[in-house]
């Protein structure tokens, strides 16, 4: 699978999901586009520029140098595996294996349920992997998914010419308007003026985002949450914000991008993502919105939702251990034994047990005045005991 390079700009929560504006920069444009001399060249258009691939030792003409079905971009930016070896640790399991790709970076695993119209294809991202599980959901029309988050993932971003020479057929759909991402000529003209003479695609993107922060305001007079669906071209409300006028205002500030642009007002979460998506498409940037799941729904200043669970039945020493383990996870915890082939079996056992969150409350380690390496070794010994 080849993951196109993307730029993550902002995330928002709505209906228990995070919506993220994603932009395909010029590095993901059509192969016919000829890079200009003053910009970095990415011959295979995998998101890693040629000069950087020469430093890594990967091929600038192959998106997957080692042929393990993980792109060089994902191996470097997301999984931290070796893009030159199909089996980075030499254990006989390829890096593309669902669990194997987690061994070189910190990850968070969760089992969740999603309901229509949400789907797995909307959730794949450089910061997460999602797959369906063959399990019976609690809700009849739901699907059970396994979600792996990669918080340590990073983007490789470099400027490219703007406007681009061409847009590939694969990305054209992400430049078109939709029901919510509606784009009138007024918006197109204003955005064109906004990005006029931009020196690069990154400069054009920055101008648009700066405008939304500077020129628009959050609509505080309406609830941030509303539920409705389109059926036969009509809106059916499940959770109305009020009377007909309130519903109209809600749609204008929380749903339709063009009215948000004209009125310079927007709602929370998905509303701002929708507005930015429309403006970026108006500037001919292929842009899409993806979903992520907020496993813990918490705002700044709210009570810490896990504090009771972490403290229940734990003394202060084991609480320190729990927090340390949650932070270091596989990458730091197993560093001391990862290079010892004789401990491969124990390493696998420790890794498996570490991924079972219940083990956090069963092992007590005194972390006071101990170096991280000593703590990691002691945790490992407890896990394989």
Protein backbone atom coordinates (compact mmCIF):
# COMPACT_ATOMS: atom_id res chain seq x y z
CA UNK A 1 0.00 0.00 0.00
CA UNK A 2 1.34 3.43 -0.92
CA UNK A 3 0.39 6.29 1.34
CA UNK A 4 0.33 9.66 -0.37
CA UNK A 5 2.20 12.40 1.46
CA UNK A 6 -0.13 14.69 3.33
CA UNK A 7 -0.03 17.76 5.50
CA UNK A 8 -2.15 17.61 8.63
CA UNK A 9 -3.35 21.06 9.48
CA UNK A 10 -6.05 20.94 12.13
CA UNK A 11 -8.30 18.54 13.99
CA UNK A 12 -11.80 18.92 15.32
CA UNK A 13 -14.26 16.84 17.33
CA UNK A 14 -17.82 16.13 16.20
CA UNK A 15 -20.20 13.29 17.07
CA UNK A 16 -17.42 11.47 18.95
CA UNK A 17 -15.06 11.80 15.99
CA UNK A 18 -12.20 14.07 15.15
CA UNK A 19 -12.34 15.57 11.68
CA UNK A 20 -9.03 16.50 10.15
CA UNK A 21 -8.30 18.67 7.16
CA UNK A 22 -5.76 16.93 4.95
CA UNK A 23 -4.04 18.53 1.99
CA UNK A 24 -2.26 16.68 -0.77
CA UNK A 25 0.65 18.94 -1.59
CA UNK A 26 2.35 19.20 -4.95
CA UNK A 27 4.52 16.18 -4.09
CA UNK A 28 1.41 14.07 -4.59
CA UNK A 29 0.40 15.65 -7.88
CA UNK A 30 0.40 14.13 -11.34
CA UNK A 31 3.54 12.43 -12.64
CA UNK A 32 3.43 14.76 -15.63
CA UNK A 33 4.12 17.74 -13.40
CA UNK A 34 7.69 18.97 -13.92
CA UNK A 35 9.29 20.23 -10.69
CA UNK A 36 10.85 23.65 -11.07
CA UNK A 37 14.57 23.97 -10.46
CA UNK A 38 14.23 26.04 -7.28
CA UNK A 39 12.12 23.43 -5.49
CA UNK A 40 13.02 20.00 -4.07
CA UNK A 41 12.58 17.12 -6.50
CA UNK A 42 10.66 13.96 -5.55
CA UNK A 43 11.02 11.65 -8.54
CA UNK A 44 8.86 8.77 -7.23
CA UNK A 45 6.41 11.15 -5.51
CA UNK A 46 6.42 9.18 -2.26
CA UNK A 47 6.76 12.28 -0.07
CA UNK A 48 10.52 11.98 0.44
CA UNK A 49 12.55 14.32 -1.73
CA UNK A 50 15.39 12.80 -3.78
CA UNK A 51 18.21 14.45 -1.87
CA UNK A 52 16.81 13.14 1.41
CA UNK A 53 16.37 9.64 -0.02
CA UNK A 54 20.04 9.68 -1.02
CA UNK A 55 20.86 10.31 2.65
CA UNK A 56 18.59 7.47 3.78
CA UNK A 57 19.90 5.11 1.11
CA UNK A 58 16.42 4.50 -0.31
CA UNK A 59 15.64 4.62 -4.01
CA UNK A 60 14.33 7.94 -5.33
CA UNK A 61 12.63 5.96 -8.11
CA UNK A 62 10.76 3.41 -5.93
CA UNK A 63 8.10 4.21 -3.39
CA UNK A 64 8.87 0.96 -1.53
CA UNK A 65 12.61 0.28 -1.72
CA UNK A 66 12.66 -2.96 0.28
CA UNK A 67 9.43 -4.36 -1.20
CA UNK A 68 7.69 -5.00 2.13
CA UNK A 69 4.43 -3.28 1.09
CA UNK A 70 5.14 -0.31 3.35
CA UNK A 71 6.16 2.87 1.56
CA UNK A 72 9.51 4.42 2.33
CA UNK A 73 7.57 7.45 3.58
CA UNK A 74 5.54 5.42 6.08
CA UNK A 75 8.54 3.45 7.28
CA UNK A 76 10.50 6.63 7.96
CA UNK A 77 7.72 8.96 9.18
CA UNK A 78 5.23 6.60 10.82
CA UNK A 79 6.50 3.13 11.73
CA UNK A 80 10.21 3.95 12.25
CA UNK A 81 11.11 0.63 10.65
CA UNK A 82 14.08 0.22 8.31
CA UNK A 83 13.04 1.15 4.75
CA UNK A 84 16.02 -0.84 3.44
CA UNK A 85 15.02 -4.14 5.12
CA UNK A 86 11.72 -5.95 4.65
CA UNK A 87 12.22 -7.55 8.08
CA UNK A 88 13.87 -4.88 10.21
CA UNK A 89 14.54 -7.03 13.27
CA UNK A 90 15.27 -10.26 11.38
CA UNK A 91 12.71 -12.33 13.26
CA UNK A 92 11.13 -13.83 10.15
CA UNK A 93 8.04 -11.61 10.26
CA UNK A 94 7.87 -8.82 7.63
CA UNK A 95 7.54 -5.23 8.74
CA UNK A 96 4.15 -4.99 7.03
CA UNK A 97 2.63 -7.41 9.56
CA UNK A 98 -0.07 -5.64 11.58
CA UNK A 99 1.71 -6.17 14.92
CA UNK A 100 5.27 -6.13 13.66
CA UNK A 101 5.02 -2.56 12.41
CA UNK A 102 4.36 -1.45 16.01
CA UNK A 103 7.68 -2.65 17.40
CA UNK A 104 9.80 0.38 16.60
CA UNK A 105 7.62 3.20 17.87
CA UNK A 106 5.20 4.10 20.64
CA UNK A 107 1.62 3.07 19.83
CA UNK A 108 -1.81 3.05 21.46
CA UNK A 109 -4.27 0.24 20.69
CA UNK A 110 -8.02 0.47 21.14
CA UNK A 111 -11.11 -1.57 20.23
CA UNK A 112 -14.02 0.63 19.18
CA UNK A 113 -17.32 0.51 17.34
CA UNK A 114 -18.34 2.76 14.46
CA UNK A 115 -21.79 3.19 12.93
CA UNK A 116 -22.93 4.21 9.45
CA UNK A 117 -22.17 6.37 7.59
CA UNK A 118 -18.72 6.19 9.19
CA UNK A 119 -16.34 3.73 7.54
CA UNK A 120 -12.80 2.43 7.92
CA UNK A 121 -11.64 4.02 4.68
CA UNK A 122 -12.21 7.47 6.16
CA UNK A 123 -9.92 6.77 9.10
CA UNK A 124 -6.64 5.63 7.55
CA UNK A 125 -3.99 8.25 8.17
CA UNK A 126 -0.28 8.69 8.77
CA UNK A 127 -1.10 8.87 12.49
CA UNK A 128 -3.28 5.76 12.70
CA UNK A 129 -4.11 2.35 11.22
CA UNK A 130 -7.62 0.89 11.36
CA UNK A 131 -9.00 -2.53 10.49
CA UNK A 132 -12.30 -4.38 10.93
CA UNK A 133 -12.56 -7.18 13.48
CA UNK A 134 -14.76 -10.24 13.20
CA UNK A 135 -16.62 -9.52 16.42
CA UNK A 136 -20.25 -8.98 17.26
CA UNK A 137 -20.93 -5.29 18.00
CA UNK A 138 -23.02 -4.07 20.89
CA UNK A 139 -25.16 -2.08 18.44
CA UNK A 140 -26.75 -3.97 15.54
CA UNK A 141 -25.67 -1.70 12.70
CA UNK A 142 -22.18 -1.03 14.07
CA UNK A 143 -18.82 -2.49 13.10
CA UNK A 144 -16.05 -3.39 15.53
CA UNK A 145 -12.68 -1.94 14.63
CA UNK A 146 -9.15 -2.19 15.93
CA UNK A 147 -7.46 1.19 16.06
CA UNK A 148 -3.69 1.67 16.33
CA UNK A 149 -2.55 5.23 17.02
CA UNK A 150 0.98 6.39 16.21
CA UNK A 151 1.44 9.56 18.29
CA UNK A 152 5.16 9.81 17.47
CA UNK A 153 4.58 9.93 13.70
CA UNK A 154 5.85 13.02 11.93
CA UNK A 155 5.32 14.61 8.54
CA UNK A 156 7.97 15.25 5.94
CA UNK A 157 6.95 18.60 4.49
CA UNK A 158 8.75 20.65 1.85
CA UNK A 159 7.55 23.46 -0.44
CA UNK A 160 6.50 22.92 -4.03
CA UNK A 161 5.42 25.30 -6.83
CA UNK A 162 2.04 26.99 -6.62
CA UNK A 163 -0.13 26.72 -8.55
CA UNK A 164 0.83 23.15 -9.49
CA UNK A 165 1.35 22.26 -13.12
CA UNK A 166 -1.32 19.54 -12.99
CA UNK A 167 -3.51 17.48 -10.68
CA UNK A 168 -3.73 13.72 -11.08
CA UNK A 169 -7.06 12.07 -11.86
CA UNK A 170 -6.78 10.25 -8.52
CA UNK A 171 -6.91 13.55 -6.65
CA UNK A 172 -9.38 15.50 -8.78
CA UNK A 173 -12.33 14.41 -6.63
CA UNK A 174 -10.74 16.23 -3.69
CA UNK A 175 -10.94 19.55 -5.54
CA UNK A 176 -14.70 19.42 -6.19
CA UNK A 177 -17.46 20.96 -4.06
CA UNK A 178 -19.89 18.81 -2.07
CA UNK A 179 -23.11 19.38 -0.14
CA UNK A 180 -21.34 20.87 2.88
CA UNK A 181 -18.12 21.91 1.17
CA UNK A 182 -20.00 24.25 -1.18
CA UNK A 183 -17.99 26.86 -3.04
CA UNK A 184 -19.53 29.93 -4.69
CA UNK A 185 -17.72 32.17 -7.15
CA UNK A 186 -17.30 34.87 -4.49
CA UNK A 187 -15.22 32.46 -2.41
CA UNK A 188 -13.14 31.41 -5.41
CA UNK A 189 -12.40 35.03 -6.35
CA UNK A 190 -11.52 36.01 -2.77
CA UNK A 191 -9.25 33.03 -2.27
CA UNK A 192 -7.55 33.64 -5.62
CA UNK A 193 -6.74 37.18 -4.50
CA UNK A 194 -5.62 35.87 -1.12
CA UNK A 195 -3.01 33.49 -2.56
CA UNK A 196 -1.96 35.67 -5.49
CA UNK A 197 1.81 35.69 -5.93
CA UNK A 198 2.33 33.04 -3.23
CA UNK A 199 5.89 31.81 -3.50
CA UNK A 200 5.00 28.16 -2.85
CA UNK A 201 2.15 25.84 -1.95
CA UNK A 202 3.04 26.10 1.75
CA UNK A 203 2.87 29.90 1.59
CA UNK A 204 -0.54 29.74 -0.09
CA UNK A 205 -1.83 27.32 2.56
CA UNK A 206 -0.52 29.53 5.35
CA UNK A 207 -2.30 32.58 3.93
CA UNK A 208 -5.63 30.74 3.86
CA UNK A 209 -5.29 29.39 7.40
CA UNK A 210 -4.18 32.77 8.72
CA UNK A 211 -7.27 34.34 7.16
CA UNK A 212 -9.63 31.88 8.87
CA UNK A 213 -8.00 32.58 12.22
CA UNK A 214 -7.93 36.35 11.74
CA UNK A 215 -11.18 37.13 9.91
CA UNK A 216 -13.74 34.65 11.26
CA UNK A 217 -15.40 34.32 14.64
CA UNK A 218 -16.86 31.43 16.60
CA UNK A 219 -20.67 31.43 16.79
CA UNK A 220 -21.39 31.22 20.53
CA UNK A 221 -25.16 31.70 20.47
CA UNK A 222 -25.94 28.18 19.23
CA UNK A 223 -25.13 24.74 20.68
CA UNK A 224 -21.98 23.24 19.16
CA UNK A 225 -23.70 19.88 18.69
CA UNK A 226 -26.57 19.04 16.35
CA UNK A 227 -27.69 15.81 14.70
CA UNK A 228 -29.42 15.54 11.35
CA UNK A 229 -29.32 13.60 8.13
CA UNK A 230 -30.10 14.16 4.47
CA UNK A 231 -32.88 12.02 3.05
CA UNK A 232 -34.22 12.55 -0.47
CA UNK A 233 -32.62 15.98 -0.57
CA UNK A 234 -34.23 17.08 2.70
CA UNK A 235 -32.82 17.52 6.19
CA UNK A 236 -34.24 15.40 9.01
CA UNK A 237 -33.30 16.62 12.48
CA UNK A 238 -32.63 14.21 15.36
CA UNK A 239 -31.36 16.86 17.74
CA UNK A 240 -32.61 20.28 16.68
CA UNK A 241 -30.94 23.46 18.03
CA UNK A 242 -34.34 25.15 18.29
CA UNK A 243 -37.01 26.62 16.01
CA UNK A 244 -36.82 26.98 12.22
CA UNK A 245 -34.71 30.15 12.41
CA UNK A 246 -32.27 28.48 14.81
CA UNK A 247 -32.01 25.49 12.50
CA UNK A 248 -31.29 27.77 9.54
CA UNK A 249 -28.63 29.69 11.45
CA UNK A 250 -27.09 26.46 12.68
CA UNK A 251 -26.71 25.13 9.13
CA UNK A 252 -25.24 28.46 7.98
CA UNK A 253 -22.61 28.52 10.75
CA UNK A 254 -21.97 24.81 11.37
CA UNK A 255 -22.57 22.98 8.09
CA UNK A 256 -22.39 25.00 4.85
CA UNK A 257 -18.89 26.28 4.08
CA UNK A 258 -19.97 29.05 1.73
CA UNK A 259 -22.29 30.73 4.23
CA UNK A 260 -19.58 30.48 6.92
CA UNK A 261 -17.23 32.25 4.53
CA UNK A 262 -19.71 35.00 3.65
CA UNK A 263 -20.84 35.61 7.25
CA UNK A 264 -17.33 35.22 8.72
CA UNK A 265 -18.84 32.99 11.42
CA UNK A 266 -18.39 29.30 12.12
CA UNK A 267 -19.23 26.67 14.70
CA UNK A 268 -16.81 24.40 16.51
CA UNK A 269 -15.05 21.27 15.37
CA UNK A 270 -16.28 20.11 11.98
CA UNK A 271 -17.48 23.60 11.04
CA UNK A 272 -13.99 25.11 10.90
CA UNK A 273 -12.66 21.99 9.17
CA UNK A 274 -15.40 22.31 6.53
CA UNK A 275 -14.69 26.01 5.96
CA UNK A 276 -10.96 25.43 5.55
CA UNK A 277 -11.53 22.44 3.30
CA UNK A 278 -13.71 24.55 0.99
CA UNK A 279 -11.26 27.44 0.85
CA UNK A 280 -8.33 25.13 0.13
CA UNK A 281 -10.28 23.43 -2.66
CA UNK A 282 -11.16 26.87 -4.02
CA UNK A 283 -7.39 27.41 -4.26
CA UNK A 284 -7.11 24.15 -6.24
CA UNK A 285 -5.55 22.19 -3.38
CA UNK A 286 -6.82 18.58 -3.35
CA UNK A 287 -8.17 18.44 0.20
CA UNK A 288 -10.15 15.87 2.15
CA UNK A 289 -11.48 15.40 5.66
CA UNK A 290 -10.71 12.25 7.61
CA UNK A 291 -11.88 10.90 10.94
CA UNK A 292 -10.08 9.90 14.09
CA UNK A 293 -11.59 8.67 17.34
CA UNK A 294 -11.01 10.69 20.55
CA UNK A 295 -10.48 7.74 22.88
CA UNK A 296 -10.69 10.11 25.83
CA UNK A 297 -13.01 13.09 25.38
CA UNK A 298 -11.49 15.86 27.45
CA UNK A 299 -11.16 19.63 27.19
CA UNK A 300 -8.57 21.85 28.84
CA UNK A 301 -9.55 22.43 32.44
CA UNK A 302 -11.76 19.33 32.65
CA UNK A 303 -11.24 16.72 35.36
CA UNK A 304 -8.69 14.09 34.31
CA UNK A 305 -10.90 11.12 33.24
CA UNK A 306 -8.36 8.38 34.01
CA UNK A 307 -7.13 9.56 37.38
CA UNK A 308 -9.52 7.42 39.43
CA UNK A 309 -8.73 4.31 37.40
CA UNK A 310 -4.99 4.85 37.69
CA UNK A 311 -5.09 5.52 41.43
CA UNK A 312 -7.59 2.79 42.36
CA UNK A 313 -5.79 0.03 44.23
CA UNK A 314 -2.38 1.47 43.46
CA UNK A 315 0.16 2.98 45.84
CA UNK A 316 2.26 5.94 44.78
CA UNK A 317 5.18 3.81 43.58
CA UNK A 318 3.10 1.63 41.27
CA UNK A 319 1.28 4.73 40.06
CA UNK A 320 4.64 6.18 38.98
CA UNK A 321 5.35 2.90 37.21
CA UNK A 322 2.02 2.99 35.40
CA UNK A 323 2.62 6.49 34.12
CA UNK A 324 6.20 5.69 33.11
CA UNK A 325 5.08 2.56 31.25
CA UNK A 326 2.35 4.41 29.41
CA UNK A 327 4.91 6.94 28.23
CA UNK A 328 7.81 4.69 27.29
CA UNK A 329 5.87 1.61 26.05
CA UNK A 330 7.66 -0.79 23.66
CA UNK A 331 10.28 1.54 22.24
CA UNK A 332 11.99 2.49 25.51
CA UNK A 333 11.07 -0.47 27.67
CA UNK A 334 12.58 -3.09 25.38
CA UNK A 335 15.59 -1.12 24.18
CA UNK A 336 17.94 -2.90 26.57
CA UNK A 337 17.10 -6.35 25.23
CA UNK A 338 16.26 -5.65 21.59
CA UNK A 339 19.82 -6.37 20.40
CA UNK A 340 20.20 -9.65 22.28
CA UNK A 341 19.07 -12.57 20.00
CA UNK A 342 19.11 -14.94 22.97
CA UNK A 343 16.23 -13.07 24.59
CA UNK A 344 13.98 -12.93 21.52
CA UNK A 345 11.35 -15.24 23.04
CA UNK A 346 11.22 -13.26 26.27
CA UNK A 347 11.06 -10.05 24.28
CA UNK A 348 7.98 -11.27 22.40
CA UNK A 349 6.32 -12.32 25.65
CA UNK A 350 7.05 -8.99 27.30
CA UNK A 351 5.78 -7.11 24.29
CA UNK A 352 2.52 -9.07 24.26
CA UNK A 353 1.91 -8.61 27.96
CA UNK A 354 2.77 -4.95 27.79
CA UNK A 355 -0.02 -4.46 25.26
CA UNK A 356 -2.52 -5.89 27.74
CA UNK A 357 -3.40 -2.86 29.83
CA UNK A 358 -4.42 -4.95 32.80
CA UNK A 359 -0.76 -5.76 33.44
CA UNK A 360 -0.17 -2.15 34.48
CA UNK A 361 -2.02 -2.61 37.75
CA UNK A 362 -0.45 -5.98 38.58
CA UNK A 363 3.23 -5.03 38.59
CA UNK A 364 4.61 -2.72 41.24
CA UNK A 365 8.00 -1.11 40.70
CA UNK A 366 9.74 1.38 42.96
CA UNK A 367 10.97 3.97 40.47
CA UNK A 368 12.44 6.38 43.01
CA UNK A 369 16.12 7.22 42.43
CA UNK A 370 16.45 4.67 39.62
CA UNK A 371 17.81 5.35 36.15
CA UNK A 372 15.43 4.71 33.24
CA UNK A 373 17.51 1.76 32.01
CA UNK A 374 17.27 0.04 35.39
CA UNK A 375 13.53 0.65 35.56
CA UNK A 376 13.07 -0.75 32.05
CA UNK A 377 15.02 -3.90 32.93
CA UNK A 378 13.06 -4.44 36.14
CA UNK A 379 9.73 -3.96 34.35
CA UNK A 380 10.84 -6.43 31.71
CA UNK A 381 11.75 -9.06 34.32
CA UNK A 382 8.30 -8.67 35.92
CA UNK A 383 6.53 -8.98 32.61
CA UNK A 384 8.17 -12.26 31.67
CA UNK A 385 8.03 -13.74 35.17
